[in-house]
Protein backbone atom coordinates (compact mmCIF):
# COMPACT_ATOMS: atom_id res chain seq x y z
CA MET A 1 18.35 16.12 -17.38
CA GLN A 2 14.97 15.50 -16.32
CA PRO A 3 14.72 12.35 -14.58
CA SER A 4 11.68 10.39 -16.20
CA THR A 5 9.07 9.05 -13.09
CA SER A 6 6.06 6.22 -13.86
CA ARG A 7 3.28 5.28 -12.50
CA VAL A 8 2.74 2.14 -10.72
CA ASN A 9 -0.15 -0.21 -9.65
CA LEU A 10 -0.48 -1.99 -6.57
CA THR A 11 -2.63 -4.71 -5.96
CA LEU A 12 -4.27 -5.68 -2.78
CA ASP A 13 -1.82 -8.11 -2.58
CA ASP A 14 0.66 -6.54 -3.24
CA TYR A 15 0.26 -4.41 -0.11
CA LEU A 16 -0.28 -7.39 2.22
CA VAL A 17 2.86 -8.38 0.94
CA LEU A 18 4.54 -5.24 1.79
CA LEU A 19 2.38 -5.33 5.32
CA ASN A 20 4.04 -8.32 6.39
CA VAL A 21 7.72 -7.06 5.16
CA ALA A 22 7.00 -3.90 7.04
CA VAL A 23 5.46 -6.08 10.28
CA GLN A 24 8.87 -8.49 9.66
CA ALA A 25 11.21 -5.23 9.76
CA GLY A 26 10.00 -3.74 12.20
CA ASP A 27 8.77 -0.82 10.58
CA LYS A 28 5.42 0.89 12.31
CA LYS A 29 5.52 3.87 10.47
CA TRP A 30 5.62 2.15 7.16
CA GLN A 31 3.22 -0.46 8.74
CA LYS A 32 1.08 2.09 9.48
CA GLU A 33 1.23 3.84 5.83
CA ILE A 34 0.51 0.66 4.07
CA THR A 35 -2.54 -0.20 6.74
CA ARG A 36 -4.01 3.64 5.93
CA LYS A 37 -3.33 2.46 2.49
CA LEU A 38 -5.23 -0.45 2.47
CA GLU A 39 -8.24 0.76 4.21
CA ARG A 40 -8.66 3.62 1.69
CA ILE A 41 -8.69 0.18 -0.85
CA ALA A 42 -11.51 -1.19 1.27
CA ARG A 43 -13.51 1.70 1.13
CA PHE A 44 -13.36 2.41 -2.80
CA GLU A 45 -14.18 -1.03 -2.51
CA ALA A 46 -17.11 -0.63 -0.71
CA ALA A 47 -18.67 1.99 -2.57
CA LYS A 48 -18.13 0.56 -5.83
CA ALA A 49 -20.45 -2.29 -4.52
């Protein structure tokens, strides 16, 4: 049996909430990952403008 996969679309607010959770948890690796994603989102939005 194959595991089902689905794609989840997160909003900017979702990433900010996750970043806050990562900071509260003290998880530096997770913070860095979320920060990189936020930077990619910012560059994408700037390119659209």
